Amino acid sequence: MELEELKNSWNKLDKRLAESEIVNIRLVKEMIMQKTKSAHDRIFGINLYNLVVAVLLACLVFPWIYINTPISDISFVIVEIGIVIGLIPEIIKLNLLSEFDIEGMKCNQLSRLVLSYKQACIHEKYWVIAVVPLTMIAFYVSEIVYNEKVNYEFGIKLLITLGAALLTLTLAYFIAQWQRSRHAQQLKEIQQGLEELKEFEQ
């Protein structure tokens, strides 16, 4: 009788240990998934913020500047086209990020999605390098050469205008660098999380 009771006790203990191990594995998996999802949400937030800022610039800020300053029609159109073109990479990236479903997709699918996103980021870099300088050059050529409303003589006013533009570009550059470092960190966390989650699929 004692032997039978001892066997039953061992069986119950084994069952509890097995259940406890399953629960622990599930908790670890959920923690990794939550951490990965949080990193994804932060990257999505950065891209959404950039999109909203660009839309506000195109729809409110620059139209207000155009109405209240003697900027030519051509210059206004040039900047608006430049901003709209700049929106294309952000929309592509947000579309890829919106497909990221950590609960409904396998790690291989998510990894391919992350790879596509990284490629979109590389393309965006070249896109911005091409679009921003060309837009700025076209804008200032349009203003200085063709804007008859304003007499842009070489002097203090022109230097202040060019200096303000240079300062704005410098500030934008440092903000972009800060965002890029945060972005790289979040992307690294996502990739690490996916690598860890692959172990639970085996």
Protein backbone atom coordinates (compact mmCIF):
# COMPACT_ATOMS: atom_id res chain seq x y z
CA MET A 1 0.00 0.00 0.00
CA GLU A 2 2.79 2.40 0.88
CA LEU A 3 4.55 1.59 -2.39
CA GLU A 4 1.38 2.33 -4.34
CA GLU A 5 0.93 5.64 -2.54
CA LEU A 6 4.57 6.51 -3.22
CA LYS A 7 4.08 5.80 -6.92
CA ASN A 8 0.96 7.97 -7.00
CA SER A 9 2.84 10.79 -5.26
CA TRP A 10 5.68 10.59 -7.78
CA ASN A 11 3.23 10.58 -10.69
CA LYS A 12 1.47 13.66 -9.32
CA LEU A 13 4.81 15.39 -8.80
CA ASP A 14 5.93 14.56 -12.36
CA LYS A 15 2.64 15.87 -13.70
CA ARG A 16 2.99 19.13 -11.75
CA LEU A 17 6.58 19.57 -12.91
CA ALA A 18 5.54 18.96 -16.54
CA GLU A 19 2.69 21.45 -16.22
CA SER A 20 4.99 23.95 -14.52
CA GLU A 21 7.56 23.61 -17.33
CA ILE A 22 4.87 24.14 -19.96
CA VAL A 23 3.66 27.25 -18.12
CA ASN A 24 7.22 28.61 -17.81
CA ILE A 25 7.92 28.03 -21.51
CA ARG A 26 4.66 29.78 -22.40
CA LEU A 27 5.51 32.73 -20.14
CA VAL A 28 9.00 33.09 -21.64
CA LYS A 29 7.54 32.96 -25.16
CA GLU A 30 4.92 35.58 -24.30
CA MET A 31 7.58 37.86 -22.80
CA ILE A 32 9.72 37.60 -25.95
CA MET A 33 6.67 38.22 -28.15
CA GLN A 34 5.69 41.27 -26.08
CA LYS A 35 9.20 42.70 -26.22
CA THR A 36 9.37 42.16 -29.98
CA LYS A 37 5.92 43.69 -30.49
CA SER A 38 6.86 46.72 -28.37
CA ALA A 39 9.95 47.31 -30.53
CA HIS A 40 7.79 46.99 -33.66
CA ASP A 41 5.24 49.46 -32.26
CA ARG A 42 7.98 51.99 -31.53
CA ILE A 43 9.33 51.72 -35.09
CA PHE A 44 5.80 52.07 -36.44
CA GLY A 45 5.36 55.16 -34.25
CA ILE A 46 8.56 56.76 -35.59
CA ASN A 47 7.47 56.22 -39.19
CA LEU A 48 3.93 57.41 -38.50
CA TYR A 49 5.32 60.55 -36.82
CA ASN A 50 7.49 61.28 -39.87
CA LEU A 51 4.48 60.81 -42.17
CA VAL A 52 2.26 63.12 -40.09
CA VAL A 53 4.97 65.82 -39.94
CA ALA A 54 5.44 65.67 -43.73
CA VAL A 55 1.67 65.87 -44.33
CA LEU A 56 1.39 68.86 -41.98
CA LEU A 57 4.27 70.57 -43.80
CA ALA A 58 2.62 69.96 -47.18
CA CYS A 59 -0.94 70.83 -46.15
CA LEU A 60 -0.55 73.56 -43.51
CA VAL A 61 2.93 74.94 -42.86
CA PHE A 62 4.24 75.58 -46.35
CA PRO A 63 0.87 76.77 -47.75
CA TRP A 64 0.78 79.29 -44.85
CA ILE A 65 4.32 80.43 -45.74
CA TYR A 66 3.29 80.69 -49.40
CA ILE A 67 0.24 82.85 -48.56
CA ASN A 68 2.12 85.17 -46.19
CA THR A 69 5.39 85.60 -48.10
CA PRO A 70 6.21 86.58 -51.70
CA ILE A 71 7.20 83.04 -52.70
CA SER A 72 6.51 82.38 -56.37
CA ASP A 73 3.93 79.86 -57.56
CA ILE A 74 6.62 77.73 -59.18
CA SER A 75 8.65 77.60 -55.95
CA PHE A 76 5.56 76.55 -54.00
CA VAL A 77 4.79 73.75 -56.47
CA ILE A 78 8.43 72.56 -56.39
CA VAL A 79 8.43 72.21 -52.61
CA GLU A 80 5.00 70.56 -52.53
CA ILE A 81 6.08 68.00 -55.13
CA GLY A 82 9.30 67.37 -53.19
CA ILE A 83 7.34 66.71 -49.97
CA VAL A 84 4.85 64.42 -51.71
CA ILE A 85 7.66 62.42 -53.33
CA GLY A 86 9.28 62.17 -49.90
CA LEU A 87 6.08 60.59 -48.54
CA ILE A 88 6.36 57.56 -50.83
CA PRO A 89 9.10 55.71 -48.85
CA GLU A 90 7.25 56.35 -45.57
CA ILE A 91 4.02 54.92 -46.98
CA ILE A 92 5.88 51.84 -48.27
CA LYS A 93 7.51 51.26 -44.87
CA LEU A 94 4.26 51.75 -42.95
CA ASN A 95 2.54 49.28 -45.28
CA LEU A 96 5.23 46.67 -44.54
CA LEU A 97 5.04 47.33 -40.80
CA SER A 98 1.24 47.01 -40.82
CA GLU A 99 1.61 43.45 -42.17
CA PHE A 100 3.73 42.45 -39.15
CA ASP A 101 1.56 40.04 -37.14
CA ILE A 102 3.66 38.34 -34.50
CA GLU A 103 0.80 36.15 -33.30
CA GLY A 104 -0.55 35.07 -36.67
CA MET A 105 2.64 34.64 -38.73
CA LYS A 106 5.57 32.24 -38.50
CA CYS A 107 9.06 33.50 -37.68
CA ASN A 108 10.32 32.83 -41.22
CA GLN A 109 7.52 34.99 -42.65
CA LEU A 110 8.23 37.74 -40.13
CA SER A 111 11.96 37.59 -40.86
CA ARG A 112 11.29 38.02 -44.60
CA LEU A 113 9.07 40.97 -43.77
CA VAL A 114 11.84 42.53 -41.66
CA LEU A 115 14.29 42.00 -44.54
CA SER A 116 11.90 43.75 -46.95
CA TYR A 117 11.59 46.61 -44.47
CA LYS A 118 15.37 46.94 -44.17
CA GLN A 119 15.65 47.06 -47.97
CA ALA A 120 12.96 49.77 -48.04
CA CYS A 121 15.03 51.76 -45.49
CA ILE A 122 18.11 51.50 -47.72
CA HIS A 123 16.12 52.66 -50.75
CA GLU A 124 14.68 55.52 -48.70
CA LYS A 125 18.19 56.75 -47.85
CA TYR A 126 19.09 57.11 -51.54
CA TRP A 127 15.64 58.55 -52.23
CA VAL A 128 16.11 61.29 -49.62
CA ILE A 129 19.70 62.02 -50.71
CA ALA A 130 18.38 62.61 -54.24
CA VAL A 131 15.09 64.41 -53.52
CA VAL A 132 16.02 66.86 -50.73
CA PRO A 133 19.04 68.56 -52.40
CA LEU A 134 17.30 68.69 -55.80
CA THR A 135 14.20 70.25 -54.22
CA MET A 136 16.27 72.83 -52.33
CA ILE A 137 18.35 73.72 -55.41
CA ALA A 138 15.25 74.00 -57.61
CA PHE A 139 13.51 76.14 -54.99
CA TYR A 140 16.36 78.63 -54.62
CA VAL A 141 16.99 78.80 -58.37
CA SER A 142 13.29 79.49 -58.87
CA GLU A 143 13.28 82.18 -56.20
CA ILE A 144 16.54 83.95 -56.91
CA VAL A 145 16.37 83.80 -60.71
CA TYR A 146 12.67 83.82 -61.59
CA ASN A 147 10.77 85.45 -58.72
CA GLU A 148 10.03 88.96 -59.93
CA LYS A 149 8.08 89.89 -56.77
CA VAL A 150 11.27 90.02 -54.71
CA ASN A 151 14.56 91.62 -55.57
CA TYR A 152 17.12 89.11 -54.29
CA GLU A 153 20.21 91.26 -54.36
CA PHE A 154 23.36 89.84 -52.82
CA GLY A 155 23.41 91.27 -49.33
CA ILE A 156 22.47 90.73 -45.71
CA LYS A 157 18.86 89.65 -46.43
CA LEU A 158 19.93 86.96 -48.88
CA LEU A 159 22.64 85.73 -46.51
CA ILE A 160 20.12 85.54 -43.63
CA THR A 161 17.70 83.59 -45.82
CA LEU A 162 20.37 81.13 -46.93
CA GLY A 163 21.71 80.87 -43.38
CA ALA A 164 18.25 80.08 -41.99
CA ALA A 165 17.80 77.39 -44.64
CA LEU A 166 21.21 75.90 -43.81
CA LEU A 167 20.40 75.95 -40.09
CA THR A 168 17.07 74.22 -40.74
CA LEU A 169 18.76 71.51 -42.81
CA THR A 170 21.44 71.01 -40.13
CA LEU A 171 18.81 70.67 -37.40
CA ALA A 172 16.82 68.25 -39.55
CA TYR A 173 19.98 66.22 -40.14
CA PHE A 174 20.73 65.82 -36.42
CA ILE A 175 17.11 64.91 -35.65
CA ALA A 176 17.22 62.32 -38.44
CA GLN A 177 20.48 60.88 -37.04
CA TRP A 178 18.95 60.59 -33.58
CA GLN A 179 15.87 58.89 -35.00
CA ARG A 180 18.06 56.56 -37.08
CA SER A 181 20.01 55.39 -34.01
CA ARG A 182 16.76 54.68 -32.12
CA HIS A 183 15.34 52.97 -35.18
CA ALA A 184 18.40 50.72 -35.55
CA GLN A 185 18.16 49.71 -31.89
CA GLN A 186 14.46 48.80 -32.18
CA LEU A 187 15.07 46.85 -35.39
CA LYS A 188 17.86 44.91 -33.70
CA GLU A 189 15.48 44.02 -30.85
CA ILE A 190 12.92 42.71 -33.34
CA GLN A 191 15.49 40.53 -35.09
CA GLN A 192 16.78 39.16 -31.77
CA GLY A 193 13.22 38.44 -30.67
CA LEU A 194 12.46 36.53 -33.87
CA GLU A 195 15.64 34.50 -33.50
CA GLU A 196 14.61 33.54 -29.96
CA LEU A 197 11.06 32.70 -31.04
CA LYS A 198 12.34 30.34 -33.73
CA GLU A 199 13.49 27.99 -30.95
CA PHE A 200 9.89 27.58 -29.79
CA GLU A 201 8.78 26.52 -33.29
CA GLN A 202 11.25 23.60 -33.41
